[in-house]
């Protein structure tokens, strides 16, 4: 198993680009230290889950991320297959809002606000410069949400 140094997901042994965040694979010599992973991508829409399944998957991924010491998760929840917005995105964002109010997460940035023009994203980029390489930065992608743990 080879982990992406940008998002922390399994890279696959033969791939040149990360299938989750698009980062290019780098090869390291034996003596270099690895940076601890601080970010991860989780795909909630994989397998076309129900809203309840997606929420349960997010809960599991958040617990795993916290126990691993991760600080940021990019959640891919999709916008909706019909093009008019589905049920998973608002449900996930409602859950994240409740978790933020309960102090379970620090904050979250909707994909449409994941832009260098927004103050919270600017603070995130200062704290987590690896997000500058994220393929969704400045794309106003309503199908993702960035979660700060």
Protein backbone atom coordinates (compact mmCIF):
# COMPACT_ATOMS: atom_id res chain seq x y z
CA UNK A 1 0.00 0.00 0.00
CA UNK A 2 1.35 3.42 -0.97
CA UNK A 3 -0.26 6.50 0.56
CA UNK A 4 -0.65 9.83 -1.20
CA UNK A 5 1.40 12.49 0.56
CA UNK A 6 -1.22 15.15 -0.23
CA UNK A 7 -4.48 13.51 0.86
CA UNK A 8 -3.35 10.34 2.65
CA UNK A 9 -5.43 7.89 0.64
CA UNK A 10 -4.17 4.64 -0.85
CA UNK A 11 -2.37 5.46 -4.09
CA UNK A 12 -2.28 2.00 -5.60
CA UNK A 13 1.02 0.46 -6.57
CA UNK A 14 1.06 1.36 -10.27
CA UNK A 15 -0.67 4.71 -10.49
CA UNK A 16 1.24 7.88 -11.29
CA UNK A 17 -1.53 10.19 -10.00
CA UNK A 18 -3.65 9.89 -6.89
CA UNK A 19 -7.18 8.75 -7.85
CA UNK A 20 -8.65 10.95 -5.09
CA UNK A 21 -6.90 14.32 -5.23
CA UNK A 22 -4.91 14.15 -8.48
CA UNK A 23 -1.52 14.71 -6.82
CA UNK A 24 1.46 13.38 -8.73
CA UNK A 25 3.27 10.51 -7.08
CA UNK A 26 6.73 11.28 -5.73
CA UNK A 27 9.35 8.68 -5.04
CA UNK A 28 11.58 9.08 -2.00
CA UNK A 29 15.00 7.76 -1.25
CA UNK A 30 15.55 5.57 1.79
CA UNK A 31 16.88 8.23 4.15
CA UNK A 32 14.13 10.84 3.94
CA UNK A 33 11.53 11.23 6.66
CA UNK A 34 7.86 11.14 5.70
CA UNK A 35 5.66 14.02 6.73
CA UNK A 36 2.76 12.95 8.90
CA UNK A 37 -0.49 12.94 7.00
CA UNK A 38 -2.76 15.82 7.89
CA UNK A 39 -5.44 15.52 5.21
CA UNK A 40 -7.59 12.78 3.70
CA UNK A 41 -10.19 12.47 0.96
CA UNK A 42 -13.28 10.40 1.61
CA UNK A 43 -15.78 9.58 -1.12
CA UNK A 44 -19.29 9.25 0.32
CA UNK A 45 -21.00 8.95 -3.05
CA UNK A 46 -19.11 5.81 -4.10
CA UNK A 47 -21.58 2.95 -4.60
CA UNK A 48 -24.59 5.31 -4.72
CA UNK A 49 -25.50 5.05 -1.03
CA UNK A 50 -28.72 6.16 0.61
CA UNK A 51 -28.64 9.29 2.76
CA UNK A 52 -28.45 7.18 5.93
CA UNK A 53 -25.60 5.09 4.52
CA UNK A 54 -23.67 8.22 3.51
CA UNK A 55 -24.15 9.74 6.97
CA UNK A 56 -22.98 6.53 8.65
CA UNK A 57 -19.97 6.39 6.33
CA UNK A 58 -19.10 9.99 7.20
CA UNK A 59 -19.37 9.27 10.93
CA UNK A 60 -17.00 6.29 10.56
CA UNK A 61 -14.54 8.33 8.49
CA UNK A 62 -14.58 11.24 10.97
CA UNK A 63 -13.84 8.89 13.87
CA UNK A 64 -11.03 7.25 11.92
CA UNK A 65 -9.57 10.63 10.93
CA UNK A 66 -9.62 11.89 14.51
CA UNK A 67 -7.95 8.76 15.86
CA UNK A 68 -5.29 9.01 13.12
CA UNK A 69 -4.49 12.61 14.02
CA UNK A 70 -5.71 14.01 10.71
CA UNK A 71 -6.68 17.66 10.65
CA UNK A 72 -8.59 18.10 7.37
CA UNK A 73 -10.92 15.88 5.35
CA UNK A 74 -12.17 16.55 1.86
CA UNK A 75 -15.60 14.93 1.69
CA UNK A 76 -16.91 14.05 -1.75
CA UNK A 77 -20.69 13.77 -1.41
CA UNK A 78 -21.77 14.72 -4.90
CA UNK A 79 -24.29 17.28 -6.00
CA UNK A 80 -27.02 14.93 -7.19
CA UNK A 81 -27.34 12.73 -10.23
CA UNK A 82 -30.31 14.60 -11.67
CA UNK A 83 -28.42 17.88 -11.90
CA UNK A 84 -30.86 19.65 -9.56
CA UNK A 85 -29.22 18.67 -6.29
CA UNK A 86 -29.72 15.48 -4.37
CA UNK A 87 -30.54 14.65 -0.77
CA UNK A 88 -27.08 13.60 0.43
CA UNK A 89 -25.35 16.99 0.16
CA UNK A 90 -27.81 18.98 2.33
CA UNK A 91 -28.04 16.14 4.83
CA UNK A 92 -24.25 15.88 5.17
CA UNK A 93 -23.87 19.63 5.50
CA UNK A 94 -26.63 19.76 8.11
CA UNK A 95 -24.85 17.05 10.07
CA UNK A 96 -21.53 18.92 9.80
CA UNK A 97 -23.21 22.10 11.02
CA UNK A 98 -24.54 20.25 14.09
CA UNK A 99 -21.11 18.68 14.72
CA UNK A 100 -19.52 22.14 14.51
CA UNK A 101 -22.00 23.58 17.02
CA UNK A 102 -21.32 20.61 19.37
CA UNK A 103 -17.56 21.14 19.08
CA UNK A 104 -17.00 17.77 17.36
CA UNK A 105 -15.37 19.46 14.35
CA UNK A 106 -13.71 22.87 14.17
CA UNK A 107 -15.36 24.04 10.96
CA UNK A 108 -16.21 23.18 7.38
CA UNK A 109 -16.04 24.92 4.02
CA UNK A 110 -18.65 24.11 1.35
CA UNK A 111 -17.05 23.37 -2.01
CA UNK A 112 -18.61 26.46 -3.55
CA UNK A 113 -16.72 28.52 -0.94
CA UNK A 114 -13.42 26.64 -1.30
CA UNK A 115 -11.75 29.60 -2.96
CA UNK A 116 -8.71 31.74 -2.36
CA UNK A 117 -11.15 34.68 -2.22
CA UNK A 118 -12.83 33.44 1.00
CA UNK A 119 -11.36 34.22 4.44
CA UNK A 120 -11.82 30.74 5.96
CA UNK A 121 -10.20 29.09 2.94
CA UNK A 122 -7.30 31.53 3.15
CA UNK A 123 -6.74 30.55 6.80
CA UNK A 124 -6.94 26.87 5.83
CA UNK A 125 -4.38 27.34 3.08
CA UNK A 126 -2.02 29.04 5.54
CA UNK A 127 -2.36 26.15 7.99
CA UNK A 128 -2.46 23.37 5.38
CA UNK A 129 -0.49 24.47 2.30
CA UNK A 130 -0.95 21.01 0.75
CA UNK A 131 -4.52 22.14 -0.02
CA UNK A 132 -3.09 24.55 -2.60
CA UNK A 133 -2.65 21.47 -4.82
CA UNK A 134 -6.27 20.37 -4.43
CA UNK A 135 -7.97 20.04 -7.79
CA UNK A 136 -11.20 21.62 -6.46
CA UNK A 137 -9.66 24.85 -5.17
CA UNK A 138 -11.35 27.81 -6.92
CA UNK A 139 -13.73 25.51 -8.84
CA UNK A 140 -16.95 26.24 -6.87
CA UNK A 141 -17.64 22.49 -6.70
CA UNK A 142 -20.92 21.97 -4.82
CA UNK A 143 -20.21 18.24 -4.67
CA UNK A 144 -17.49 18.51 -2.00
CA UNK A 145 -17.04 19.91 1.48
CA UNK A 146 -13.75 20.53 3.31
CA UNK A 147 -13.97 19.55 7.01
CA UNK A 148 -11.55 20.92 9.61
CA UNK A 149 -11.22 18.48 12.50
